[in-house]
Amino acid sequence: MTDGAGGARGEPILRATHINKHFGPVRALHDVAIEVFPGEVVALIGDNGAGKSTLVNVLTGVLQPDAGEIEFDGRRVSLSSPSAARALGIETVYQDLAIAPHLDAVANIFLGRERLKSGVAGGLGFLDNGKMREETEQQLGRLRVRIPNLTRRLVTLSGGQRQGVAVARAVMWASKIVFMDEPTAALGVAQTEQVLDLIKRVRDTGIPVVFISHNMPNVFEVADRIVVLRLGEVAAHLDPKTATIDDAVSAMTGSLRGMAAARSEQGG
């Protein structure tokens, strides 16, 4: 396996094989396999009901698979809960952001992970607000997320700025991988470009991103690889450098052209 620059990728950070999930009689996932390597953006696409959200929920500990194996850093793991996934360095940016809109950026980034003062003050539960603000400024600076005033509540910021805080929070705590579910949904053109640039900067730090989106131009702009799900199965693996949006749509809908593209990209 090679990266976008043609170098060796080495071993995947995350490998899932033979993932199956049912909800009663409904088959949501059937024998799904996916790998994620360091420093890449993997786009996960498919029509509504294709299984994208179910797969992400399995890979982030929200749901338990009926069958299959998940390997993380080369060892088999059981993602029994979202907290278990976070303990491994897996973070998720949800479509609804899961932010506290009436708190500022610092409080959101450290929500549930607040820094305490050292010594007796920390023992009494006093927060180290100065340290948290400093770390927030550093994190936003690394990702070039521009927030005009860190004391402003997130509800007063633009959609792109709120998304930037949500992504910065995920990357702050993600030592291994970030999942992003429709991160450009409901954003304008300029804000969308900000978020796409942010995804590229996250990738450039070496942390891989799994990017779930219905927006095909966005997918082809940022993805290094594209995994197409259809009816709960992997329908195609596409290379955005050689495949087209028509190929991706065809694979999503199961047309002959899409299946030919899938065979071509897989070397078959």
Protein backbone atom coordinates (compact mmCIF):
# COMPACT_ATOMS: atom_id res chain seq x y z
CA MET A 1 0.00 0.00 0.00
CA THR A 2 1.29 3.48 -0.84
CA ASP A 3 0.37 6.97 0.26
CA GLY A 4 -0.66 9.90 -1.89
CA ALA A 5 2.97 10.85 -2.52
CA GLY A 6 3.88 7.35 -3.54
CA GLY A 7 5.62 6.35 -0.28
CA ALA A 8 5.08 3.19 1.71
CA ARG A 9 2.24 3.36 4.19
CA GLY A 10 3.27 0.51 6.43
CA GLU A 11 0.63 -1.09 8.60
CA PRO A 12 -2.90 0.29 9.00
CA ILE A 13 -3.87 2.01 12.23
CA LEU A 14 -7.36 0.54 11.94
CA ARG A 15 -8.42 -2.64 10.20
CA ALA A 16 -11.95 -4.03 10.34
CA THR A 17 -12.88 -7.32 8.68
CA HIS A 18 -16.08 -9.33 8.19
CA ILE A 19 -18.20 -6.72 10.02
CA ASN A 20 -21.85 -7.71 10.18
CA LYS A 21 -24.73 -5.88 11.85
CA HIS A 22 -28.47 -6.51 11.90
CA PHE A 23 -31.32 -4.52 13.38
CA GLY A 24 -33.95 -7.20 13.76
CA PRO A 25 -34.56 -8.60 10.27
CA VAL A 26 -32.81 -5.65 8.58
CA ARG A 27 -29.26 -6.31 7.43
CA ALA A 28 -27.34 -3.06 7.92
CA LEU A 29 -23.81 -4.38 7.26
CA HIS A 30 -22.68 -7.57 5.57
CA ASP A 31 -19.08 -8.76 5.62
CA VAL A 32 -17.68 -5.21 5.48
CA ALA A 33 -13.93 -4.65 5.53
CA ILE A 34 -12.05 -1.36 5.76
CA GLU A 35 -8.49 -0.24 6.49
CA VAL A 36 -7.25 3.21 7.54
CA PHE A 37 -3.57 4.16 7.27
CA PRO A 38 -1.65 7.04 8.87
CA GLY A 39 -1.76 10.41 7.14
CA GLU A 40 -4.66 9.80 4.74
CA VAL A 41 -8.24 10.88 4.21
CA VAL A 42 -10.57 7.96 3.53
CA ALA A 43 -13.95 9.03 2.20
CA LEU A 44 -16.89 6.80 3.04
CA ILE A 45 -19.78 7.36 0.64
CA GLY A 46 -23.11 5.77 -0.21
CA ASP A 47 -26.80 6.52 -0.53
CA ASN A 48 -29.03 6.87 2.51
CA GLY A 49 -29.35 3.46 4.09
CA ALA A 50 -26.08 2.19 2.60
CA GLY A 51 -24.62 1.53 6.05
CA LYS A 52 -22.22 4.44 6.46
CA SER A 53 -23.46 5.62 9.85
CA THR A 54 -23.80 2.06 11.13
CA LEU A 55 -20.20 1.29 10.16
CA VAL A 56 -18.90 4.47 11.77
CA ASN A 57 -20.89 3.73 14.92
CA VAL A 58 -19.34 0.25 15.06
CA LEU A 59 -15.83 1.67 14.57
CA THR A 60 -16.32 4.30 17.29
CA GLY A 61 -17.88 2.06 19.92
CA VAL A 62 -21.46 3.31 19.67
CA LEU A 63 -22.73 -0.02 18.32
CA GLN A 64 -21.46 -3.56 18.76
CA PRO A 65 -21.14 -5.70 15.61
CA ASP A 66 -22.91 -9.03 15.40
CA ALA A 67 -19.77 -10.52 13.89
CA GLY A 68 -16.34 -9.46 12.68
CA GLU A 69 -12.98 -8.31 13.99
CA ILE A 70 -11.47 -4.88 14.62
CA GLU A 71 -7.71 -4.45 14.88
CA PHE A 72 -6.17 -1.26 16.21
CA ASP A 73 -2.42 -0.69 15.94
CA GLY A 74 -2.00 -4.33 15.02
CA ARG A 75 -3.92 -5.88 17.90
CA ARG A 76 -7.48 -7.07 18.14
CA VAL A 77 -9.69 -4.79 20.22
CA SER A 78 -13.25 -4.65 21.47
CA LEU A 79 -14.74 -1.17 21.17
CA SER A 80 -17.33 -1.69 23.88
CA SER A 81 -18.28 2.00 24.15
CA PRO A 82 -17.40 5.44 22.80
CA SER A 83 -15.23 5.99 25.87
CA ALA A 84 -13.31 2.81 25.05
CA ALA A 85 -12.72 4.15 21.53
CA ARG A 86 -11.62 7.53 22.87
CA ALA A 87 -9.19 5.81 25.22
CA LEU A 88 -7.50 4.35 22.14
CA GLY A 89 -7.23 7.77 20.50
CA ILE A 90 -10.34 7.65 18.30
CA GLU A 91 -12.43 10.83 18.14
CA THR A 92 -15.56 11.71 16.18
CA VAL A 93 -16.94 14.99 14.82
CA TYR A 94 -20.66 14.39 14.50
CA GLN A 95 -22.94 16.07 11.99
CA ASP A 96 -24.63 18.02 14.79
CA LEU A 97 -21.11 18.85 16.17
CA ALA A 98 -22.08 17.82 19.74
CA ILE A 99 -20.89 21.18 21.04
CA ALA A 100 -22.18 23.27 23.91
CA PRO A 101 -23.27 26.41 22.02
CA HIS A 102 -23.60 28.59 25.11
CA LEU A 103 -20.01 27.93 26.22
CA ASP A 104 -16.89 29.45 24.71
CA ALA A 105 -14.25 27.68 22.63
CA VAL A 106 -11.99 26.87 25.59
CA ALA A 107 -14.82 25.32 27.59
CA ASN A 108 -15.93 23.28 24.59
CA ILE A 109 -12.49 21.90 23.80
CA PHE A 110 -11.94 20.83 27.41
CA LEU A 111 -15.53 19.80 28.13
CA GLY A 112 -15.33 16.71 30.35
CA ARG A 113 -11.53 16.89 30.32
CA GLU A 114 -10.95 20.07 32.29
CA ARG A 115 -7.48 20.86 33.59
CA LEU A 116 -7.24 21.38 37.34
CA LYS A 117 -4.82 23.66 39.12
CA SER A 118 -1.86 22.02 40.77
CA GLY A 119 -1.62 21.45 44.49
CA VAL A 120 -4.34 22.05 47.01
CA ALA A 121 -6.41 24.22 44.67
CA GLY A 122 -6.66 21.38 42.19
CA GLY A 123 -7.63 19.01 44.94
CA LEU A 124 -10.49 21.35 45.74
CA GLY A 125 -11.62 21.29 42.10
CA PHE A 126 -10.37 24.70 40.93
CA LEU A 127 -9.86 24.82 37.17
CA ASP A 128 -6.64 25.99 35.56
CA ASN A 129 -8.33 28.37 33.12
CA GLY A 130 -5.06 29.99 32.06
CA LYS A 131 -3.53 26.65 31.07
CA MET A 132 -6.65 25.58 29.16
CA ARG A 133 -6.77 28.88 27.29
CA GLU A 134 -3.08 28.58 26.39
CA GLU A 135 -3.53 25.04 25.08
CA THR A 136 -6.63 26.08 23.13
CA GLU A 137 -4.74 28.93 21.47
CA GLN A 138 -1.93 26.55 20.55
CA GLN A 139 -4.30 23.96 19.11
CA LEU A 140 -6.30 26.46 17.08
CA GLY A 141 -3.05 28.00 15.87
CA ARG A 142 -1.66 24.65 14.71
CA LEU A 143 -4.78 24.04 12.64
CA ARG A 144 -5.06 27.71 11.60
CA VAL A 145 -8.60 27.96 12.97
CA ARG A 146 -9.34 31.65 13.46
CA ILE A 147 -11.66 32.51 16.34
CA PRO A 148 -11.91 36.28 16.86
CA ASN A 149 -12.44 36.09 20.60
CA LEU A 150 -12.06 32.94 22.69
CA THR A 151 -14.45 34.28 25.31
CA ARG A 152 -17.36 34.45 22.85
CA ARG A 153 -20.02 31.76 23.13
CA LEU A 154 -20.06 29.38 20.19
CA VAL A 155 -23.66 30.29 19.41
CA THR A 156 -22.38 33.72 18.27
CA LEU A 157 -19.81 32.26 15.84
CA SER A 158 -20.25 31.32 12.18
CA GLY A 159 -20.97 27.76 11.14
CA GLY A 160 -17.42 27.36 9.83
CA GLN A 161 -15.95 28.65 13.08
CA ARG A 162 -18.10 26.30 15.16
CA GLN A 163 -17.05 23.41 12.93
CA GLY A 164 -13.44 24.50 13.39
CA VAL A 165 -13.78 24.31 17.17
CA ALA A 166 -15.41 20.87 16.94
CA VAL A 167 -12.60 19.59 14.71
CA ALA A 168 -9.91 21.18 16.87
CA ARG A 169 -11.40 19.48 19.92
CA ALA A 170 -11.38 16.11 18.18
CA VAL A 171 -7.79 16.49 17.01
CA MET A 172 -6.74 17.76 20.45
CA TRP A 173 -7.66 14.42 21.97
CA ALA A 174 -7.32 12.07 18.98
CA SER A 175 -3.89 10.50 19.02
CA LYS A 176 -4.76 8.00 16.28
CA ILE A 177 -7.78 8.70 14.06
CA VAL A 178 -10.65 11.17 13.52
CA PHE A 179 -14.07 10.34 12.07
CA MET A 180 -15.98 13.26 10.53
CA ASP A 181 -19.66 12.78 9.74
CA GLU A 182 -20.90 15.23 7.09
CA PRO A 183 -18.63 18.05 8.35
CA THR A 184 -19.64 20.46 5.55
CA ALA A 185 -23.41 19.92 5.78
CA ALA A 186 -25.37 23.20 5.91
CA LEU A 187 -22.26 25.34 5.40
CA GLY A 188 -21.82 28.03 2.77
CA VAL A 189 -19.16 27.90 0.06
CA ALA A 190 -16.52 29.88 1.96
CA GLN A 191 -17.12 28.00 5.21
CA THR A 192 -17.00 24.68 3.38
CA GLU A 193 -13.61 25.52 1.93
CA GLN A 194 -12.37 26.38 5.43
CA VAL A 195 -13.45 22.98 6.72
CA LEU A 196 -11.96 21.11 3.74
CA ASP A 197 -8.65 22.91 4.28
CA LEU A 198 -8.87 21.97 7.94
CA ILE A 199 -9.34 18.29 7.04
CA LYS A 200 -6.20 18.44 4.90
CA ARG A 201 -4.25 20.03 7.76
CA VAL A 202 -5.40 17.30 10.14
CA ARG A 203 -4.18 14.69 7.63
CA ASP A 204 -0.86 16.53 7.34
CA THR A 205 -0.30 16.11 11.08
CA GLY A 206 -0.24 12.34 10.43
CA ILE A 207 -3.66 11.68 11.95
CA PRO A 208 -5.91 9.92 9.41
CA VAL A 209 -9.42 11.16 8.77
CA VAL A 210 -12.44 9.06 7.82
CA PHE A 211 -14.70 11.51 6.00
CA ILE A 212 -18.39 10.71 5.53
CA SER A 213 -20.12 12.91 2.98
CA HIS A 214 -22.81 13.05 0.31
CA ASN A 215 -21.04 15.96 -1.41
CA MET A 216 -19.07 14.36 -4.24
CA PRO A 217 -16.99 17.44 -5.21
CA ASN A 218 -15.91 17.75 -1.56
CA VAL A 219 -15.03 14.06 -1.45
CA PHE A 220 -12.90 14.25 -4.57
CA GLU A 221 -11.17 17.38 -3.31
CA VAL A 222 -9.87 15.94 -0.04
CA ALA A 223 -9.94 12.13 -0.25
CA ASP A 224 -6.90 9.96 -0.84
CA ARG A 225 -9.13 6.89 -1.14
CA ILE A 226 -12.87 6.38 -1.50
CA VAL A 227 -14.81 3.44 -0.07
CA VAL A 228 -18.30 3.04 -1.54
CA LEU A 229 -21.01 1.29 0.49
CA ARG A 230 -24.16 -0.02 -1.11
CA LEU A 231 -26.91 -1.95 0.69
CA GLY A 232 -24.62 -2.65 3.62
CA GLU A 233 -21.72 -4.00 1.55
CA VAL A 234 -18.51 -2.51 0.16
CA ALA A 235 -19.34 -1.91 -3.49
CA ALA A 236 -16.10 -0.28 -4.62
CA HIS A 237 -12.71 1.11 -3.68
CA LEU A 238 -11.97 4.15 -5.84
CA ASP A 239 -8.86 6.25 -6.40
CA PRO A 240 -10.00 9.89 -6.71
CA LYS A 241 -6.99 10.65 -8.92
CA THR A 242 -8.24 8.31 -11.64
CA ALA A 243 -11.96 7.77 -10.94
CA THR A 244 -14.67 10.31 -11.67
CA ILE A 245 -17.73 11.51 -9.82
CA ASP A 246 -19.81 9.55 -12.33
CA ASP A 247 -17.88 6.41 -11.37
CA ALA A 248 -18.62 7.03 -7.69
CA VAL A 249 -22.32 7.63 -8.30
CA SER A 250 -22.53 4.56 -10.52
CA ALA A 251 -20.90 2.42 -7.83
CA MET A 252 -23.33 3.78 -5.26
CA THR A 253 -26.30 2.87 -7.44
CA GLY A 254 -24.91 -0.47 -8.62
CA SER A 255 -24.74 0.29 -12.33
CA LEU A 256 -22.45 -1.65 -14.66
CA ARG A 257 -20.19 1.36 -15.06
CA GLY A 258 -19.73 1.58 -11.30
CA MET A 259 -18.92 -2.11 -11.00
CA ALA A 260 -16.39 -1.82 -13.84
CA ALA A 261 -14.75 1.10 -12.04
CA ALA A 262 -14.62 -0.92 -8.85
CA ARG A 263 -12.93 -3.85 -10.59
CA SER A 264 -10.44 -1.50 -12.26
CA GLU A 265 -9.47 0.26 -9.00
CA GLN A 266 -9.09 -3.09 -7.23
CA GLY A 267 -6.87 -4.42 -9.97
CA GLY A 268 -9.43 -6.99 -11.03
